[in-house]
Amino acid sequence: MSEHVLVLVNTGVKHSLAGSEYNLRRKTCEKGVSILRKYYPNITHLRDVTLGMLDEHKEELGETVYKRCSYVVEENQRVDLACKYL
């Protein structure tokens, strides 16, 4: 049986979100949640959204909102899967 080691490292690198496109991306994702909430009133954040919901309303969301929202939803799924396997 092999041993595995999990190492968490704080690189100390500072990130400034104010000068990045973070706020724009966040507003875009909030727009996606707002659109989807019309069909799924229990949605409060993208963590409540599935890819199926996004796909069903892809045309209404538009290309940019769809891409940004689907990235977040897929990233949440990747994290959940990583946690499951850890």
PDB file of N, CA and C in Angstrom:
ATOM      1  N   MET A   1       0.847  -1.179   0.000  1.00  0.00           N
ATOM      2  CA  MET A   1       0.000   0.000   0.000  1.00  0.00           C
ATOM      3  C   MET A   1       0.892   1.242   0.000  1.00  0.00           C
ATOM      4  N   SER A   2       0.635   2.162  -0.914  1.00  0.00           N
ATOM      5  CA  SER A   2       1.444   3.376  -0.972  1.00  0.00           C
ATOM      6  C   SER A   2       0.835   4.462  -0.102  1.00  0.00           C
ATOM      7  N   GLU A   3       1.698   5.326   0.406  1.00  0.00           N
ATOM      8  CA  GLU A   3       1.233   6.435   1.228  1.00  0.00           C
ATOM      9  C   GLU A   3       1.107   7.678   0.357  1.00  0.00           C
ATOM     10  N   HIS A   4       0.136   8.496   0.700  1.00  0.00           N
ATOM     11  CA  HIS A   4      -0.065   9.755  -0.013  1.00  0.00           C
ATOM     12  C   HIS A   4       0.026  10.893   0.987  1.00  0.00           C
ATOM     13  N   VAL A   5       0.519  11.991   0.529  1.00  0.00           N
ATOM     14  CA  VAL A   5       0.648  13.157   1.379  1.00  0.00           C
ATOM     15  C   VAL A   5      -0.034  14.323   0.682  1.00  0.00           C
ATOM     16  N   LEU A   6      -0.834  15.033   1.424  1.00  0.00           N
ATOM     17  CA  LEU A   6      -1.490  16.231   0.910  1.00  0.00           C
ATOM     18  C   LEU A   6      -0.808  17.437   1.539  1.00  0.00           C
ATOM     19  N   VAL A   7      -0.307  18.330   0.690  1.00  0.00           N
ATOM     20  CA  VAL A   7       0.411  19.494   1.173  1.00  0.00           C
ATOM     21  C   VAL A   7      -0.340  20.748   0.745  1.00  0.00           C
ATOM     22  N   LEU A   8      -0.655  21.610   1.709  1.00  0.00           N
ATOM     23  CA  LEU A   8      -1.272  22.902   1.429  1.00  0.00           C
ATOM     24  C   LEU A   8      -0.222  23.969   1.661  1.00  0.00           C
ATOM     25  N   VAL A   9      -0.073  24.866   0.687  1.00  0.00           N
ATOM     26  CA  VAL A   9       0.973  25.869   0.768  1.00  0.00           C
ATOM     27  C   VAL A   9       0.381  27.252   0.555  1.00  0.00           C
ATOM     28  N   ASN A  10       0.727  28.179   1.429  1.00  0.00           N
ATOM     29  CA  ASN A  10       0.382  29.578   1.242  1.00  0.00           C
ATOM     30  C   ASN A  10       1.580  30.232   0.570  1.00  0.00           C
ATOM     31  N   THR A  11       1.436  30.599  -0.689  1.00  0.00           N
ATOM     32  CA  THR A  11       2.549  31.185  -1.440  1.00  0.00           C
ATOM     33  C   THR A  11       2.817  32.622  -1.030  1.00  0.00           C
ATOM     34  N   GLY A  12       1.856  33.235  -0.330  1.00  0.00           N
ATOM     35  CA  GLY A  12       2.031  34.615   0.085  1.00  0.00           C
ATOM     36  C   GLY A  12       1.802  35.618  -1.025  1.00  0.00           C
ATOM     37  N   VAL A  13       1.400  35.142  -2.204  1.00  0.00           N
ATOM     38  CA  VAL A  13       1.142  36.035  -3.334  1.00  0.00           C
ATOM     39  C   VAL A  13      -0.150  36.790  -3.069  1.00  0.00           C
ATOM     40  N   LYS A  14      -0.091  38.099  -3.199  1.00  0.00           N
ATOM     41  CA  LYS A  14      -1.264  38.942  -2.980  1.00  0.00           C
ATOM     42  C   LYS A  14      -1.936  39.226  -4.321  1.00  0.00           C
ATOM     43  N   HIS A  15      -3.261  39.160  -4.331  1.00  0.00           N
ATOM     44  CA  HIS A  15      -4.046  39.440  -5.533  1.00  0.00           C
ATOM     45  C   HIS A  15      -4.937  40.638  -5.274  1.00  0.00           C
ATOM     46  N   SER A  16      -4.967  41.540  -6.213  1.00  0.00           N
ATOM     47  CA  SER A  16      -5.850  42.697  -6.101  1.00  0.00           C
ATOM     48  C   SER A  16      -7.024  42.489  -7.048  1.00  0.00           C
ATOM     49  N   LEU A  17      -8.185  42.238  -6.484  1.00  0.00           N
ATOM     50  CA  LEU A  17      -9.365  42.008  -7.321  1.00  0.00           C
ATOM     51  C   LEU A  17      -9.931  43.310  -7.867  1.00  0.00           C
ATOM     52  N   ALA A  18      -9.625  44.428  -7.226  1.00  0.00           N
ATOM     53  CA  ALA A  18     -10.172  45.720  -7.655  1.00  0.00           C
ATOM     54  C   ALA A  18      -9.704  46.084  -9.055  1.00  0.00           C
ATOM     55  N   GLY A  19      -8.491  45.742  -9.399  1.00  0.00           N
ATOM     56  CA  GLY A  19      -7.948  46.096 -10.703  1.00  0.00           C
ATOM     57  C   GLY A  19      -8.164  45.023 -11.757  1.00  0.00           C
ATOM     58  N   SER A  20      -8.877  43.979 -11.403  1.00  0.00           N
ATOM     59  CA  SER A  20      -9.099  42.885 -12.351  1.00  0.00           C
ATOM     60  C   SER A  20     -10.530  42.943 -12.880  1.00  0.00           C
ATOM     61  N   GLU A  21     -10.879  41.964 -13.670  1.00  0.00           N
ATOM     62  CA  GLU A  21     -12.238  41.890 -14.203  1.00  0.00           C
ATOM     63  C   GLU A  21     -13.153  41.090 -13.287  1.00  0.00           C
ATOM     64  N   TYR A  22     -12.710  40.827 -12.081  1.00  0.00           N
ATOM     65  CA  TYR A  22     -13.487  40.022 -11.142  1.00  0.00           C
ATOM     66  C   TYR A  22     -14.891  40.583 -10.943  1.00  0.00           C
ATOM     67  N   ASN A  23     -14.993  41.885 -10.683  1.00  0.00           N
ATOM     68  CA  ASN A  23     -16.305  42.484 -10.417  1.00  0.00           C
ATOM     69  C   ASN A  23     -17.229  42.367 -11.618  1.00  0.00           C
ATOM     70  N   LEU A  24     -16.682  42.527 -12.812  1.00  0.00           N
ATOM     71  CA  LEU A  24     -17.491  42.368 -14.030  1.00  0.00           C
ATOM     72  C   LEU A  24     -17.965  40.927 -14.164  1.00  0.00           C
ATOM     73  N   ARG A  25     -17.087  39.982 -13.934  1.00  0.00           N
ATOM     74  CA  ARG A  25     -17.461  38.566 -14.037  1.00  0.00           C
ATOM     75  C   ARG A  25     -18.513  38.212 -12.984  1.00  0.00           C
ATOM     76  N   ARG A  26     -18.348  38.755 -11.794  1.00  0.00           N
ATOM     77  CA  ARG A  26     -19.321  38.490 -10.736  1.00  0.00           C
ATOM     78  C   ARG A  26     -20.698  39.039 -11.107  1.00  0.00           C
ATOM     79  N   LYS A  27     -20.750  40.258 -11.636  1.00  0.00           N
ATOM     80  CA  LYS A  27     -22.028  40.848 -12.052  1.00  0.00           C
ATOM     81  C   LYS A  27     -22.667  40.032 -13.172  1.00  0.00           C
ATOM     82  N   THR A  28     -21.841  39.534 -14.073  1.00  0.00           N
ATOM     83  CA  THR A  28     -22.347  38.699 -15.166  1.00  0.00           C
ATOM     84  C   THR A  28     -22.987  37.434 -14.609  1.00  0.00           C
ATOM     85  N   CYS A  29     -22.341  36.807 -13.638  1.00  0.00           N
ATOM     86  CA  CYS A  29     -22.892  35.596 -13.028  1.00  0.00           C
ATOM     87  C   CYS A  29     -24.158  35.910 -12.238  1.00  0.00           C
ATOM     88  N   GLU A  30     -24.188  37.054 -11.573  1.00  0.00           N
ATOM     89  CA  GLU A  30     -25.398  37.456 -10.851  1.00  0.00           C
ATOM     90  C   GLU A  30     -26.564  37.659 -11.817  1.00  0.00           C
ATOM     91  N   LYS A  31     -26.270  38.168 -13.009  1.00  0.00           N
ATOM     92  CA  LYS A  31     -27.310  38.320 -14.030  1.00  0.00           C
ATOM     93  C   LYS A  31     -27.864  36.944 -14.418  1.00  0.00           C
ATOM     94  N   GLY A  32     -26.976  35.973 -14.548  1.00  0.00           N
ATOM     95  CA  GLY A  32     -27.408  34.615 -14.873  1.00  0.00           C
ATOM     96  C   GLY A  32     -28.320  34.044 -13.801  1.00  0.00           C
ATOM     97  N   VAL A  33     -27.962  34.248 -12.553  1.00  0.00           N
ATOM     98  CA  VAL A  33     -28.793  33.774 -11.436  1.00  0.00           C
ATOM     99  C   VAL A  33     -30.148  34.461 -11.479  1.00  0.00           C
ATOM    100  N   SER A  34     -30.157  35.750 -11.764  1.00  0.00           N
ATOM    101  CA  SER A  34     -31.413  36.509 -11.829  1.00  0.00           C
ATOM    102  C   SER A  34     -32.338  35.968 -12.927  1.00  0.00           C
ATOM    103  N   ILE A  35     -31.772  35.653 -14.068  1.00  0.00           N
ATOM    104  CA  ILE A  35     -32.567  35.097 -15.171  1.00  0.00           C
ATOM    105  C   ILE A  35     -33.121  33.728 -14.785  1.00  0.00           C
ATOM    106  N   LEU A  36     -32.271  32.877 -14.234  1.00  0.00           N
ATOM    107  CA  LEU A  36     -32.697  31.522 -13.873  1.00  0.00           C
ATOM    108  C   LEU A  36     -33.711  31.515 -12.739  1.00  0.00           C
ATOM    109  N   ARG A  37     -33.634  32.503 -11.869  1.00  0.00           N
ATOM    110  CA  ARG A  37     -34.558  32.578 -10.731  1.00  0.00           C
ATOM    111  C   ARG A  37     -36.011  32.723 -11.206  1.00  0.00           C
ATOM    112  N   LYS A  38     -36.217  33.265 -12.393  1.00  0.00           N
ATOM    113  CA  LYS A  38     -37.579  33.379 -12.935  1.00  0.00           C
ATOM    114  C   LYS A  38     -38.199  31.992 -13.120  1.00  0.00           C
ATOM    115  N   TYR A  39     -37.354  31.005 -13.411  1.00  0.00           N
ATOM    116  CA  TYR A  39     -37.827  29.644 -13.667  1.00  0.00           C
ATOM    117  C   TYR A  39     -37.656  28.720 -12.453  1.00  0.00           C
ATOM    118  N   TYR A  40     -36.682  29.046 -11.626  1.00  0.00           N
ATOM    119  CA  TYR A  40     -36.365  28.236 -10.446  1.00  0.00           C
ATOM    120  C   TYR A  40     -36.260  29.192  -9.250  1.00  0.00           C
ATOM    121  N   PRO A  41     -37.370  29.549  -8.623  1.00  0.00           N
ATOM    122  CA  PRO A  41     -37.380  30.574  -7.569  1.00  0.00           C
ATOM    123  C   PRO A  41     -36.510  30.257  -6.349  1.00  0.00           C
ATOM    124  N   ASN A  42     -36.164  28.993  -6.156  1.00  0.00           N
ATOM    125  CA  ASN A  42     -35.372  28.621  -4.977  1.00  0.00           C
ATOM    126  C   ASN A  42     -33.872  28.867  -5.165  1.00  0.00           C
ATOM    127  N   ILE A  43     -33.453  29.284  -6.343  1.00  0.00           N
ATOM    128  CA  ILE A  43     -32.043  29.557  -6.612  1.00  0.00           C
ATOM    129  C   ILE A  43     -31.637  30.863  -5.927  1.00  0.00           C
ATOM    130  N   THR A  44     -30.528  30.799  -5.200  1.00  0.00           N
ATOM    131  CA  THR A  44     -29.991  32.024  -4.595  1.00  0.00           C
ATOM    132  C   THR A  44     -28.587  32.331  -5.107  1.00  0.00           C
ATOM    133  N   HIS A  45     -27.843  31.298  -5.491  1.00  0.00           N
ATOM    134  CA  HIS A  45     -26.474  31.439  -5.971  1.00  0.00           C
ATOM    135  C   HIS A  45     -26.217  30.407  -7.063  1.00  0.00           C
ATOM    136  N   LEU A  46     -25.111  30.538  -7.761  1.00  0.00           N
ATOM    137  CA  LEU A  46     -24.789  29.554  -8.797  1.00  0.00           C
ATOM    138  C   LEU A  46     -24.571  28.161  -8.223  1.00  0.00           C
ATOM    139  N   ARG A  47     -24.275  28.055  -6.930  1.00  0.00           N
ATOM    140  CA  ARG A  47     -24.113  26.725  -6.326  1.00  0.00           C
ATOM    141  C   ARG A  47     -25.414  25.932  -6.363  1.00  0.00           C
ATOM    142  N   ASP A  48     -26.543  26.624  -6.580  1.00  0.00           N
ATOM    143  CA  ASP A  48     -27.851  25.979  -6.641  1.00  0.00           C
ATOM    144  C   ASP A  48     -28.228  25.566  -8.066  1.00  0.00           C
ATOM    145  N   VAL A  49     -27.382  25.888  -9.024  1.00  0.00           N
ATOM    146  CA  VAL A  49     -27.694  25.709 -10.447  1.00  0.00           C
ATOM    147  C   VAL A  49     -27.017  24.456 -10.977  1.00  0.00           C
ATOM    148  N   THR A  50     -27.700  23.774 -11.897  1.00  0.00           N
ATOM    149  CA  THR A  50     -27.113  22.619 -12.573  1.00  0.00           C
ATOM    150  C   THR A  50     -26.806  22.998 -14.017  1.00  0.00           C
ATOM    151  N   LEU A  51     -25.968  22.198 -14.653  1.00  0.00           N
ATOM    152  CA  LEU A  51     -25.678  22.441 -16.064  1.00  0.00           C
ATOM    153  C   LEU A  51     -26.933  22.277 -16.913  1.00  0.00           C
ATOM    154  N   GLY A  52     -27.803  21.379 -16.481  1.00  0.00           N
ATOM    155  CA  GLY A  52     -29.060  21.186 -17.209  1.00  0.00           C
ATOM    156  C   GLY A  52     -29.914  22.445 -17.214  1.00  0.00           C
ATOM    157  N   MET A  53     -29.966  23.128 -16.081  1.00  0.00           N
ATOM    158  CA  MET A  53     -30.720  24.387 -15.998  1.00  0.00           C
ATOM    159  C   MET A  53     -30.121  25.425 -16.944  1.00  0.00           C
ATOM    160  N   LEU A  54     -28.795  25.520 -16.933  1.00  0.00           N
ATOM    161  CA  LEU A  54     -28.130  26.478 -17.817  1.00  0.00           C
ATOM    162  C   LEU A  54     -28.404  26.150 -19.278  1.00  0.00           C
ATOM    163  N   ASP A  55     -28.265  24.870 -19.623  1.00  0.00           N
ATOM    164  CA  ASP A  55     -28.490  24.458 -21.010  1.00  0.00           C
ATOM    165  C   ASP A  55     -29.918  24.743 -21.465  1.00  0.00           C
ATOM    166  N   GLU A  56     -30.863  24.543 -20.572  1.00  0.00           N
ATOM    167  CA  GLU A  56     -32.266  24.758 -20.902  1.00  0.00           C
ATOM    168  C   GLU A  56     -32.557  26.225 -21.240  1.00  0.00           C
ATOM    169  N   HIS A  57     -31.790  27.142 -20.667  1.00  0.00           N
ATOM    170  CA  HIS A  57     -32.040  28.575 -20.860  1.00  0.00           C
ATOM    171  C   HIS A  57     -30.853  29.278 -21.517  1.00  0.00           C
ATOM    172  N   LYS A  58     -30.052  28.497 -22.225  1.00  0.00           N
ATOM    173  CA  LYS A  58     -28.825  29.008 -22.846  1.00  0.00           C
ATOM    174  C   LYS A  58     -29.081  30.202 -23.754  1.00  0.00           C
ATOM    175  N   GLU A  59     -30.104  30.122 -24.570  1.00  0.00           N
ATOM    176  CA  GLU A  59     -30.400  31.198 -25.520  1.00  0.00           C
ATOM    177  C   GLU A  59     -30.741  32.492 -24.792  1.00  0.00           C
ATOM    178  N   GLU A  60     -31.560  32.401 -23.744  1.00  0.00           N
ATOM    179  CA  GLU A  60     -31.950  33.593 -23.001  1.00  0.00           C
ATOM    180  C   GLU A  60     -30.767  34.184 -22.228  1.00  0.00           C
ATOM    181  N   LEU A  61     -29.890  33.328 -21.733  1.00  0.00           N
ATOM    182  CA  LEU A  61     -28.729  33.795 -20.977  1.00  0.00           C
ATOM    183  C   LEU A  61     -27.743  34.557 -21.860  1.00  0.00           C
ATOM    184  N   GLY A  62     -27.635  34.141 -23.101  1.00  0.00           N
ATOM    185  CA  GLY A  62     -26.647  34.744 -23.992  1.00  0.00           C
ATOM    186  C   GLY A  62     -25.295  34.066 -23.812  1.00  0.00           C
ATOM    187  N   GLU A  63     -24.447  34.241 -24.791  1.00  0.00           N
ATOM    188  CA  GLU A  63     -23.181  33.505 -24.829  1.00  0.00           C
ATOM    189  C   GLU A  63     -22.265  33.809 -23.638  1.00  0.00           C
ATOM    190  N   THR A  64     -22.046  35.078 -23.333  1.00  0.00           N
ATOM    191  CA  THR A  64     -21.115  35.437 -22.266  1.00  0.00           C
ATOM    192  C   THR A  64     -21.618  34.998 -20.899  1.00  0.00           C
ATOM    193  N   VAL A  65     -22.884  35.276 -20.596  1.00  0.00           N
ATOM    194  CA  VAL A  65     -23.452  34.885 -19.296  1.00  0.00           C
ATOM    195  C   VAL A  65     -23.428  33.362 -19.168  1.00  0.00           C
ATOM    196  N   TYR A  66     -23.811  32.667 -20.227  1.00  0.00           N
ATOM    197  CA  TYR A  66     -23.821  31.200 -20.200  1.00  0.00           C
ATOM    198  C   TYR A  66     -22.424  30.655 -19.929  1.00  0.00           C
ATOM    199  N   LYS A  67     -21.421  31.162 -20.656  1.00  0.00           N
ATOM    200  CA  LYS A  67     -20.052  30.664 -20.490  1.00  0.00           C
ATOM    201  C   LYS A  67     -19.533  30.892 -19.077  1.00  0.00           C
ATOM    202  N   ARG A  68     -19.752  32.083 -18.562  1.00  0.00           N
ATOM    203  CA  ARG A  68     -19.238  32.400 -17.229  1.00  0.00           C
ATOM    204  C   ARG A  68     -19.953  31.601 -16.150  1.00  0.00           C
ATOM    205  N   CYS A  69     -21.258  31.469 -16.289  1.00  0.00           N
ATOM    206  CA  CYS A  69     -22.017  30.687 -15.301  1.00  0.00           C
ATOM    207  C   CYS A  69     -21.670  29.211 -15.379  1.00  0.00           C
ATOM    208  N   SER A  70     -21.540  28.686 -16.582  1.00  0.00           N
ATOM    209  CA  SER A  70     -21.234  27.260 -16.713  1.00  0.00           C
ATOM    210  C   SER A  70     -19.837  26.961 -16.175  1.00  0.00           C
ATOM    211  N   TYR A  71     -18.911  27.889 -16.327  1.00  0.00           N
ATOM    212  CA  TYR A  71     -17.571  27.690 -15.765  1.00  0.00           C
ATOM    213  C   TYR A  71     -17.657  27.533 -14.245  1.00  0.00           C
ATOM    214  N   VAL A  72     -18.414  28.405 -13.594  1.00  0.00           N
ATOM    215  CA  VAL A  72     -18.552  28.352 -12.133  1.00  0.00           C
ATOM    216  C   VAL A  72     -19.233  27.055 -11.708  1.00  0.00           C
ATOM    217  N   VAL A  73     -20.300  26.678 -12.395  1.00  0.00           N
ATOM    218  CA  VAL A  73     -21.028  25.449 -12.048  1.00  0.00           C
ATOM    219  C   VAL A  73     -20.113  24.238 -12.238  1.00  0.00           C
ATOM    220  N   GLU A  74     -19.359  24.194 -13.333  1.00  0.00           N
ATOM    221  CA  GLU A  74     -18.445  23.072 -13.577  1.00  0.00           C
ATOM    222  C   GLU A  74     -17.317  23.053 -12.548  1.00  0.00           C
ATOM    223  N   GLU A  75     -16.829  24.226 -12.165  1.00  0.00           N
ATOM    224  CA  GLU A  75     -15.774  24.291 -11.145  1.00  0.00           C
ATOM    225  C   GLU A  75     -16.298  23.778  -9.803  1.00  0.00           C
ATOM    226  N   ASN A  76     -17.528  24.132  -9.456  1.00  0.00           N
ATOM    227  CA  ASN A  76     -18.137  23.612  -8.222  1.00  0.00           C
ATOM    228  C   ASN A  76     -18.222  22.091  -8.266  1.00  0.00           C
ATOM    229  N   GLN A  77     -18.590  21.548  -9.421  1.00  0.00           N
ATOM    230  CA  GLN A  77     -18.676  20.096  -9.569  1.00  0.00           C
ATOM    231  C   GLN A  77     -17.302  19.449  -9.414  1.00  0.00           C
ATOM    232  N   ARG A  78     -16.265  20.082  -9.985  1.00  0.00           N
ATOM    233  CA  ARG A  78     -14.905  19.537  -9.864  1.00  0.00           C
ATOM    234  C   ARG A  78     -14.456  19.518  -8.403  1.00  0.00           C
ATOM    235  N   VAL A  79     -14.765  20.570  -7.662  1.00  0.00           N
ATOM    236  CA  VAL A  79     -14.386  20.631  -6.251  1.00  0.00           C
ATOM    237  C   VAL A  79     -15.125  19.556  -5.452  1.00  0.00           C
ATOM    238  N   ASP A  80     -16.427  19.423  -5.709  1.00  0.00           N
ATOM    239  CA  ASP A  80     -17.209  18.379  -5.015  1.00  0.00           C
ATOM    240  C   ASP A  80     -16.629  16.986  -5.296  1.00  0.00           C
ATOM    241  N   LEU A  81     -16.257  16.732  -6.544  1.00  0.00           N
ATOM    242  CA  LEU A  81     -15.697  15.441  -6.922  1.00  0.00           C
ATOM    243  C   LEU A  81     -14.331  15.225  -6.254  1.00  0.00           C
ATOM    244  N   ALA A  82     -13.515  16.262  -6.222  1.00  0.00           N
ATOM    245  CA  ALA A  82     -12.201  16.159  -5.564  1.00  0.00           C
ATOM    246  C   ALA A  82     -12.393  15.847  -4.084  1.00  0.00           C
ATOM    247  N   CYS A  83     -13.332  16.514  -3.447  1.00  0.00           N
ATOM    248  CA  CYS A  83     -13.602  16.252  -2.018  1.00  0.00           C
ATOM    249  C   CYS A  83     -14.047  14.815  -1.805  1.00  0.00           C
ATOM    250  N   LYS A  84     -14.863  14.325  -2.713  1.00  0.00           N
ATOM    251  CA  LYS A  84     -15.349  12.949  -2.595  1.00  0.00           C
ATOM    252  C   LYS A  84     -14.180  11.958  -2.641  1.00  0.00           C
ATOM    253  N   TYR A  85     -13.249  12.207  -3.561  1.00  0.00           N
ATOM    254  CA  TYR A  85     -12.132  11.264  -3.707  1.00  0.00           C
ATOM    255  C   TYR A  85     -11.058  11.445  -2.639  1.00  0.00           C
ATOM    256  N   LEU A  86     -10.985  12.625  -2.049  1.00  0.00           N
ATOM    257  CA  LEU A  86     -10.025  12.817  -0.953  1.00  0.00           C
ATOM    258  C   LEU A  86     -10.529  12.118   0.292  1.00  0.00           C
TER     259      LEU A  86
END
